[in-house]
Amino acid sequence: MPKPQIYSGNKNLISKRLIALRKEHYLSQRDLSRKLQLAGYDMDKNVITRIETNKRYVTDIEIHALAHIFGVSCDYLIEGEKPK
């Protein structure tokens, strides 16, 4: 069974927000991967590149890890709405 894609053919919903958050925090993809690895999450630079370019599906664990690193909610990464 094929994995779901949104109408545009993208494989995840967080790519644009991930790029924006990474730039807001002045982090390169390599810097972000180092922070993730130091926090115990196994995500290297290539994983981040593939997520940001919509070439890779994102797991719930990866969404949780990214939310933890950036101090945002998982909902924000997926939906783009900050809590009120």
PDB file of N, CA and C in Angstrom:
ATOM      1  N   MET A   1       0.846  -1.177   0.000  1.00  0.00           N
ATOM      2  CA  MET A   1       0.000   0.000   0.000  1.00  0.00           C
ATOM      3  C   MET A   1       0.893   1.243   0.000  1.00  0.00           C
ATOM      4  N   PRO A   2       0.653   2.171  -0.925  1.00  0.00           N
ATOM      5  CA  PRO A   2       1.491   3.377  -0.975  1.00  0.00           C
ATOM      6  C   PRO A   2       1.241   4.279   0.231  1.00  0.00           C
ATOM      7  N   LYS A   3       2.284   5.003   0.599  1.00  0.00           N
ATOM      8  CA  LYS A   3       2.153   5.942   1.713  1.00  0.00           C
ATOM      9  C   LYS A   3       1.394   7.172   1.243  1.00  0.00           C
ATOM     10  N   PRO A   4       0.643   7.804   2.156  1.00  0.00           N
ATOM     11  CA  PRO A   4      -0.160   8.980   1.768  1.00  0.00           C
ATOM     12  C   PRO A   4       0.703  10.190   1.438  1.00  0.00           C
ATOM     13  N   GLN A   5       0.205  10.973   0.510  1.00  0.00           N
ATOM     14  CA  GLN A   5       0.845  12.235   0.164  1.00  0.00           C
ATOM     15  C   GLN A   5      -0.255  13.289   0.085  1.00  0.00           C
ATOM     16  N   ILE A   6       0.105  14.537   0.362  1.00  0.00           N
ATOM     17  CA  ILE A   6      -0.889  15.587   0.210  1.00  0.00           C
ATOM     18  C   ILE A   6      -1.013  15.922  -1.271  1.00  0.00           C
ATOM     19  N   TYR A   7      -2.017  16.685  -1.627  1.00  0.00           N
ATOM     20  CA  TYR A   7      -2.343  16.942  -3.032  1.00  0.00           C
ATOM     21  C   TYR A   7      -1.156  17.419  -3.860  1.00  0.00           C
ATOM     22  N   SER A   8      -0.221  18.100  -3.235  1.00  0.00           N
ATOM     23  CA  SER A   8       0.939  18.614  -3.975  1.00  0.00           C
ATOM     24  C   SER A   8       1.994  17.542  -4.218  1.00  0.00           C
ATOM     25  N   GLY A   9       1.833  16.380  -3.596  1.00  0.00           N
ATOM     26  CA  GLY A   9       2.820  15.316  -3.744  1.00  0.00           C
ATOM     27  C   GLY A   9       3.879  15.339  -2.665  1.00  0.00           C
ATOM     28  N   ASN A  10       3.798  16.319  -1.757  1.00  0.00           N
ATOM     29  CA  ASN A  10       4.770  16.403  -0.667  1.00  0.00           C
ATOM     30  C   ASN A  10       4.598  15.234   0.285  1.00  0.00           C
ATOM     31  N   LYS A  11       5.692  14.865   0.937  1.00  0.00           N
ATOM     32  CA  LYS A  11       5.662  13.721   1.837  1.00  0.00           C
ATOM     33  C   LYS A  11       5.568  14.101   3.302  1.00  0.00           C
ATOM     34  N   ASN A  12       5.535  15.385   3.609  1.00  0.00           N
ATOM     35  CA  ASN A  12       5.346  15.805   4.999  1.00  0.00           C
ATOM     36  C   ASN A  12       4.738  17.198   5.041  1.00  0.00           C
ATOM     37  N   LEU A  13       4.260  17.565   6.213  1.00  0.00           N
ATOM     38  CA  LEU A  13       3.617  18.859   6.392  1.00  0.00           C
ATOM     39  C   LEU A  13       4.504  19.894   7.081  1.00  0.00           C
ATOM     40  N   ILE A  14       5.672  19.475   7.551  1.00  0.00           N
ATOM     41  CA  ILE A  14       6.455  20.362   8.417  1.00  0.00           C
ATOM     42  C   ILE A  14       7.635  21.036   7.730  1.00  0.00           C
ATOM     43  N   SER A  15       7.893  20.738   6.483  1.00  0.00           N
ATOM     44  CA  SER A  15       9.132  21.201   5.847  1.00  0.00           C
ATOM     45  C   SER A  15       9.329  22.723   5.930  1.00  0.00           C
ATOM     46  N   LYS A  16       8.317  23.491   5.589  1.00  0.00           N
ATOM     47  CA  LYS A  16       8.468  24.952   5.586  1.00  0.00           C
ATOM     48  C   LYS A  16       8.660  25.496   6.999  1.00  0.00           C
ATOM     49  N   ARG A  17       7.902  24.951   7.960  1.00  0.00           N
ATOM     50  CA  ARG A  17       8.052  25.416   9.342  1.00  0.00           C
ATOM     51  C   ARG A  17       9.406  25.006   9.907  1.00  0.00           C
ATOM     52  N   LEU A  18       9.889  23.835   9.528  1.00  0.00           N
ATOM     53  CA  LEU A  18      11.209  23.406   9.997  1.00  0.00           C
ATOM     54  C   LEU A  18      12.289  24.344   9.474  1.00  0.00           C
ATOM     55  N   ILE A  19      12.223  24.685   8.214  1.00  0.00           N
ATOM     56  CA  ILE A  19      13.196  25.624   7.636  1.00  0.00           C
ATOM     57  C   ILE A  19      13.129  26.965   8.373  1.00  0.00           C
ATOM     58  N   ALA A  20      11.921  27.470   8.580  1.00  0.00           N
ATOM     59  CA  ALA A  20      11.755  28.766   9.249  1.00  0.00           C
ATOM     60  C   ALA A  20      12.290  28.724  10.674  1.00  0.00           C
ATOM     61  N   LEU A  21      11.973  27.674  11.417  1.00  0.00           N
ATOM     62  CA  LEU A  21      12.461  27.563  12.797  1.00  0.00           C
ATOM     63  C   LEU A  21      13.983  27.463  12.839  1.00  0.00           C
ATOM     64  N   ARG A  22      14.526  26.691  11.939  1.00  0.00           N
ATOM     65  CA  ARG A  22      15.984  26.524  11.912  1.00  0.00           C
ATOM     66  C   ARG A  22      16.657  27.863  11.635  1.00  0.00           C
ATOM     67  N   LYS A  23      16.118  28.625  10.701  1.00  0.00           N
ATOM     68  CA  LYS A  23      16.695  29.937  10.371  1.00  0.00           C
ATOM     69  C   LYS A  23      16.488  30.945  11.499  1.00  0.00           C
ATOM     70  N   GLU A  24      15.314  30.899  12.163  1.00  0.00           N
ATOM     71  CA  GLU A  24      15.057  31.781  13.312  1.00  0.00           C
ATOM     72  C   GLU A  24      16.085  31.573  14.415  1.00  0.00           C
ATOM     73  N   HIS A  25      16.538  30.330  14.561  1.00  0.00           N
ATOM     74  CA  HIS A  25      17.505  29.983  15.601  1.00  0.00           C
ATOM     75  C   HIS A  25      18.950  30.009  15.081  1.00  0.00           C
ATOM     76  N   TYR A  26      19.129  30.505  13.868  1.00  0.00           N
ATOM     77  CA  TYR A  26      20.463  30.635  13.258  1.00  0.00           C
ATOM     78  C   TYR A  26      21.225  29.302  13.262  1.00  0.00           C
ATOM     79  N   LEU A  27      20.530  28.240  12.865  1.00  0.00           N
ATOM     80  CA  LEU A  27      21.150  26.916  12.838  1.00  0.00           C
ATOM     81  C   LEU A  27      21.265  26.418  11.404  1.00  0.00           C
ATOM     82  N   SER A  28      22.414  25.880  11.073  1.00  0.00           N
ATOM     83  CA  SER A  28      22.539  25.164   9.809  1.00  0.00           C
ATOM     84  C   SER A  28      21.908  23.787  10.000  1.00  0.00           C
ATOM     85  N   GLN A  29      21.739  23.068   8.921  1.00  0.00           N
ATOM     86  CA  GLN A  29      21.218  21.702   9.046  1.00  0.00           C
ATOM     87  C   GLN A  29      22.169  20.853   9.889  1.00  0.00           C
ATOM     88  N   ARG A  30      23.447  21.050   9.705  1.00  0.00           N
ATOM     89  CA  ARG A  30      24.441  20.291  10.480  1.00  0.00           C
ATOM     90  C   ARG A  30      24.364  20.654  11.969  1.00  0.00           C
ATOM     91  N   ASP A  31      24.218  21.951  12.274  1.00  0.00           N
ATOM     92  CA  ASP A  31      24.081  22.383  13.674  1.00  0.00           C
ATOM     93  C   ASP A  31      22.848  21.760  14.323  1.00  0.00           C
ATOM     94  N   LEU A  32      21.732  21.753  13.581  1.00  0.00           N
ATOM     95  CA  LEU A  32      20.513  21.162  14.104  1.00  0.00           C
ATOM     96  C   LEU A  32      20.698  19.668  14.353  1.00  0.00           C
ATOM     97  N   SER A  33      21.338  18.984  13.428  1.00  0.00           N
ATOM     98  CA  SER A  33      21.539  17.543  13.620  1.00  0.00           C
ATOM     99  C   SER A  33      22.419  17.276  14.838  1.00  0.00           C
ATOM    100  N   ARG A  34      23.400  18.130  15.083  1.00  0.00           N
ATOM    101  CA  ARG A  34      24.244  17.971  16.280  1.00  0.00           C
ATOM    102  C   ARG A  34      23.429  18.152  17.558  1.00  0.00           C
ATOM    103  N   LYS A  35      22.564  19.185  17.571  1.00  0.00           N
ATOM    104  CA  LYS A  35      21.711  19.412  18.749  1.00  0.00           C
ATOM    105  C   LYS A  35      20.786  18.219  18.986  1.00  0.00           C
ATOM    106  N   LEU A  36      20.226  17.696  17.933  1.00  0.00           N
ATOM    107  CA  LEU A  36      19.340  16.536  18.048  1.00  0.00           C
ATOM    108  C   LEU A  36      20.106  15.325  18.580  1.00  0.00           C
ATOM    109  N   GLN A  37      21.288  15.093  18.061  1.00  0.00           N
ATOM    110  CA  GLN A  37      22.075  13.940  18.498  1.00  0.00           C
ATOM    111  C   GLN A  37      22.514  14.090  19.951  1.00  0.00           C
ATOM    112  N   LEU A  38      22.864  15.300  20.364  1.00  0.00           N
ATOM    113  CA  LEU A  38      23.227  15.528  21.762  1.00  0.00           C
ATOM    114  C   LEU A  38      22.038  15.314  22.693  1.00  0.00           C
ATOM    115  N   ALA A  39      20.826  15.535  22.171  1.00  0.00           N
ATOM    116  CA  ALA A  39      19.620  15.323  22.967  1.00  0.00           C
ATOM    117  C   ALA A  39      19.149  13.864  22.912  1.00  0.00           C
ATOM    118  N   GLY A  40      19.888  13.024  22.175  1.00  0.00           N
ATOM    119  CA  GLY A  40      19.567  11.600  22.134  1.00  0.00           C
ATOM    120  C   GLY A  40      18.711  11.159  20.958  1.00  0.00           C
ATOM    121  N   TYR A  41      18.546  12.017  19.966  1.00  0.00           N
ATOM    122  CA  TYR A  41      17.757  11.666  18.789  1.00  0.00           C
ATOM    123  C   TYR A  41      18.694  11.407  17.617  1.00  0.00           C
ATOM    124  N   ASP A  42      18.524  10.285  16.959  1.00  0.00           N
ATOM    125  CA  ASP A  42      19.408   9.892  15.871  1.00  0.00           C
ATOM    126  C   ASP A  42      18.913  10.457  14.537  1.00  0.00           C
ATOM    127  N   MET A  43      19.230  11.718  14.308  1.00  0.00           N
ATOM    128  CA  MET A  43      18.861  12.377  13.052  1.00  0.00           C
ATOM    129  C   MET A  43      20.094  13.105  12.525  1.00  0.00           C
ATOM    130  N   ASP A  44      20.577  12.671  11.378  1.00  0.00           N
ATOM    131  CA  ASP A  44      21.756  13.336  10.826  1.00  0.00           C
ATOM    132  C   ASP A  44      21.350  14.417   9.821  1.00  0.00           C
ATOM    133  N   LYS A  45      22.322  15.109   9.284  1.00  0.00           N
ATOM    134  CA  LYS A  45      22.077  16.224   8.370  1.00  0.00           C
ATOM    135  C   LYS A  45      21.272  15.775   7.157  1.00  0.00           C
ATOM    136  N   ASN A  46      21.543  14.593   6.649  1.00  0.00           N
ATOM    137  CA  ASN A  46      20.836  14.101   5.465  1.00  0.00           C
ATOM    138  C   ASN A  46      19.347  13.908   5.732  1.00  0.00           C
ATOM    139  N   VAL A  47      19.000  13.479   6.933  1.00  0.00           N
ATOM    140  CA  VAL A  47      17.590  13.330   7.310  1.00  0.00           C
ATOM    141  C   VAL A  47      16.915  14.695   7.279  1.00  0.00           C
ATOM    142  N   ILE A  48      17.558  15.689   7.848  1.00  0.00           N
ATOM    143  CA  ILE A  48      16.989  17.041   7.882  1.00  0.00           C
ATOM    144  C   ILE A  48      16.838  17.596   6.461  1.00  0.00           C
ATOM    145  N   THR A  49      17.834  17.389   5.630  1.00  0.00           N
ATOM    146  CA  THR A  49      17.763  17.835   4.235  1.00  0.00           C
ATOM    147  C   THR A  49      16.571  17.209   3.535  1.00  0.00           C
ATOM    148  N   ARG A  50      16.395  15.914   3.691  1.00  0.00           N
ATOM    149  CA  ARG A  50      15.301  15.206   3.019  1.00  0.00           C
ATOM    150  C   ARG A  50      13.931  15.629   3.562  1.00  0.00           C
ATOM    151  N   ILE A  51      13.849  15.933   4.850  1.00  0.00           N
ATOM    152  CA  ILE A  51      12.587  16.426   5.405  1.00  0.00           C
ATOM    153  C   ILE A  51      12.285  17.813   4.827  1.00  0.00           C
ATOM    154  N   GLU A  52      13.279  18.685   4.828  1.00  0.00           N
ATOM    155  CA  GLU A  52      13.073  20.057   4.353  1.00  0.00           C
ATOM    156  C   GLU A  52      12.753  20.121   2.863  1.00  0.00           C
ATOM    157  N   THR A  53      13.208  19.148   2.090  1.00  0.00           N
ATOM    158  CA  THR A  53      12.937  19.142   0.649  1.00  0.00           C
ATOM    159  C   THR A  53      11.751  18.244   0.295  1.00  0.00           C
ATOM    160  N   ASN A  54      11.023  17.795   1.308  1.00  0.00           N
ATOM    161  CA  ASN A  54       9.825  16.970   1.118  1.00  0.00           C
ATOM    162  C   ASN A  54      10.097  15.654   0.402  1.00  0.00           C
ATOM    163  N   LYS A  55      11.266  15.103   0.617  1.00  0.00           N
ATOM    164  CA  LYS A  55      11.604  13.817   0.015  1.00  0.00           C
ATOM    165  C   LYS A  55      11.529  12.679   1.017  1.00  0.00           C
ATOM    166  N   ARG A  56      11.067  12.995   2.231  1.00  0.00           N
ATOM    167  CA  ARG A  56      11.062  11.994   3.294  1.00  0.00           C
ATOM    168  C   ARG A  56       9.863  12.194   4.212  1.00  0.00           C
ATOM    169  N   TYR A  57       9.259  11.082   4.581  1.00  0.00           N
ATOM    170  CA  TYR A  57       8.202  11.111   5.582  1.00  0.00           C
ATOM    171  C   TYR A  57       8.820  11.372   6.948  1.00  0.00           C
ATOM    172  N   VAL A  58       8.052  11.966   7.841  1.00  0.00           N
ATOM    173  CA  VAL A  58       8.530  12.284   9.183  1.00  0.00           C
ATOM    174  C   VAL A  58       7.762  11.427  10.181  1.00  0.00           C
ATOM    175  N   THR A  59       8.477  10.786  11.097  1.00  0.00           N
ATOM    176  CA  THR A  59       7.818   9.963  12.105  1.00  0.00           C
ATOM    177  C   THR A  59       7.356  10.824  13.269  1.00  0.00           C
ATOM    178  N   ASP A  60       6.477  10.260  14.074  1.00  0.00           N
ATOM    179  CA  ASP A  60       6.008  10.995  15.252  1.00  0.00           C
ATOM    180  C   ASP A  60       7.153  11.269  16.216  1.00  0.00           C
ATOM    181  N   ILE A  61       8.086  10.364  16.326  1.00  0.00           N
ATOM    182  CA  ILE A  61       9.244  10.563  17.207  1.00  0.00           C
ATOM    183  C   ILE A  61      10.095  11.732  16.716  1.00  0.00           C
ATOM    184  N   GLU A  62      10.261  11.841  15.400  1.00  0.00           N
ATOM    185  CA  GLU A  62      11.042  12.946  14.840  1.00  0.00           C
ATOM    186  C   GLU A  62      10.331  14.276  15.046  1.00  0.00           C
ATOM    187  N   ILE A  63       9.021  14.296  14.896  1.00  0.00           N
ATOM    188  CA  ILE A  63       8.262  15.524  15.147  1.00  0.00           C
ATOM    189  C   ILE A  63       8.415  15.929  16.607  1.00  0.00           C
ATOM    190  N   HIS A  64       8.316  14.962  17.501  1.00  0.00           N
ATOM    191  CA  HIS A  64       8.483  15.237  18.930  1.00  0.00           C
ATOM    192  C   HIS A  64       9.890  15.780  19.208  1.00  0.00           C
ATOM    193  N   ALA A  65      10.900  15.185  18.615  1.00  0.00           N
ATOM    194  CA  ALA A  65      12.290  15.620  18.817  1.00  0.00           C
ATOM    195  C   ALA A  65      12.480  17.059  18.342  1.00  0.00           C
ATOM    196  N   LEU A  66      11.986  17.372  17.165  1.00  0.00           N
ATOM    197  CA  LEU A  66      12.137  18.725  16.626  1.00  0.00           C
ATOM    198  C   LEU A  66      11.383  19.746  17.473  1.00  0.00           C
ATOM    199  N   ALA A  67      10.182  19.391  17.913  1.00  0.00           N
ATOM    200  CA  ALA A  67       9.414  20.284  18.783  1.00  0.00           C
ATOM    201  C   ALA A  67      10.170  20.539  20.077  1.00  0.00           C
ATOM    202  N   HIS A  68      10.771  19.502  20.627  1.00  0.00           N
ATOM    203  CA  HIS A  68      11.545  19.621  21.864  1.00  0.00           C
ATOM    204  C   HIS A  68      12.737  20.555  21.675  1.00  0.00           C
ATOM    205  N   ILE A  69      13.466  20.387  20.608  1.00  0.00           N
ATOM    206  CA  ILE A  69      14.660  21.207  20.344  1.00  0.00           C
ATOM    207  C   ILE A  69      14.284  22.678  20.163  1.00  0.00           C
ATOM    208  N   PHE A  70      13.181  22.946  19.458  1.00  0.00           N
ATOM    209  CA  PHE A  70      12.800  24.326  19.168  1.00  0.00           C
ATOM    210  C   PHE A  70      11.860  24.935  20.204  1.00  0.00           C
ATOM    211  N   GLY A  71      11.409  24.143  21.158  1.00  0.00           N
ATOM    212  CA  GLY A  71      10.525  24.664  22.193  1.00  0.00           C
ATOM    213  C   GLY A  71       9.143  25.044  21.676  1.00  0.00           C
ATOM    214  N   VAL A  72       8.656  24.284  20.711  1.00  0.00           N
ATOM    215  CA  VAL A  72       7.315  24.506  20.182  1.00  0.00           C
ATOM    216  C   VAL A  72       6.508  23.228  20.367  1.00  0.00           C
ATOM    217  N   SER A  73       5.223  23.301  20.101  1.00  0.00           N
ATOM    218  CA  SER A  73       4.393  22.100  20.217  1.00  0.00           C
ATOM    219  C   SER A  73       4.456  21.292  18.924  1.00  0.00           C
ATOM    220  N   CYS A  74       4.117  20.032  19.039  1.00  0.00           N
ATOM    221  CA  CYS A  74       4.018  19.173  17.851  1.00  0.00           C
ATOM    222  C   CYS A  74       2.931  19.715  16.925  1.00  0.00           C
ATOM    223  N   ASP A  75       1.846  20.222  17.521  1.00  0.00           N
ATOM    224  CA  ASP A  75       0.758  20.805  16.725  1.00  0.00           C
ATOM    225  C   ASP A  75       1.271  21.970  15.880  1.00  0.00           C
ATOM    226  N   TYR A  76       2.143  22.781  16.453  1.00  0.00           N
ATOM    227  CA  TYR A  76       2.682  23.905  15.694  1.00  0.00           C
ATOM    228  C   TYR A  76       3.458  23.405  14.471  1.00  0.00           C
ATOM    229  N   LEU A  77       4.269  22.382  14.661  1.00  0.00           N
ATOM    230  CA  LEU A  77       5.027  21.865  13.509  1.00  0.00           C
ATOM    231  C   LEU A  77       4.103  21.343  12.419  1.00  0.00           C
ATOM    232  N   ILE A  78       3.019  20.706  12.824  1.00  0.00           N
ATOM    233  CA  ILE A  78       2.122  20.097  11.834  1.00  0.00           C
ATOM    234  C   ILE A  78       1.136  21.114  11.270  1.00  0.00           C
ATOM    235  N   GLU A  79       0.480  21.861  12.146  1.00  0.00           N
ATOM    236  CA  GLU A  79      -0.590  22.772  11.715  1.00  0.00           C
ATOM    237  C   GLU A  79      -0.141  24.203  11.479  1.00  0.00           C
ATOM    238  N   GLY A  80       0.941  24.629  12.157  1.00  0.00           N
ATOM    239  CA  GLY A  80       1.435  25.988  11.968  1.00  0.00           C
ATOM    240  C   GLY A  80       0.793  27.019  12.863  1.00  0.00           C
ATOM    241  N   GLU A  81      -0.018  26.578  13.816  1.00  0.00           N
ATOM    242  CA  GLU A  81      -0.683  27.528  14.694  1.00  0.00           C
ATOM    243  C   GLU A  81      -0.052  27.490  16.067  1.00  0.00           C
ATOM    244  N   LYS A  82       0.393  28.662  16.508  1.00  0.00           N
ATOM    245  CA  LYS A  82       0.958  28.749  17.863  1.00  0.00           C
ATOM    246  C   LYS A  82      -0.181  28.810  18.874  1.00  0.00           C
ATOM    247  N   PRO A  83       0.037  28.231  20.083  1.00  0.00           N
ATOM    248  CA  PRO A  83      -1.021  28.275  21.086  1.00  0.00           C
ATOM    249  C   PRO A  83      -1.362  29.700  21.486  1.00  0.00           C
ATOM    250  N   LYS A  84      -2.637  29.911  21.821  1.00  0.00           N
ATOM    251  CA  LYS A  84      -3.088  31.254  22.181  1.00  0.00           C
ATOM    252  C   LYS A  84      -2.930  31.500  23.654  1.00  0.00           C
TER     253      LYS A  84
END
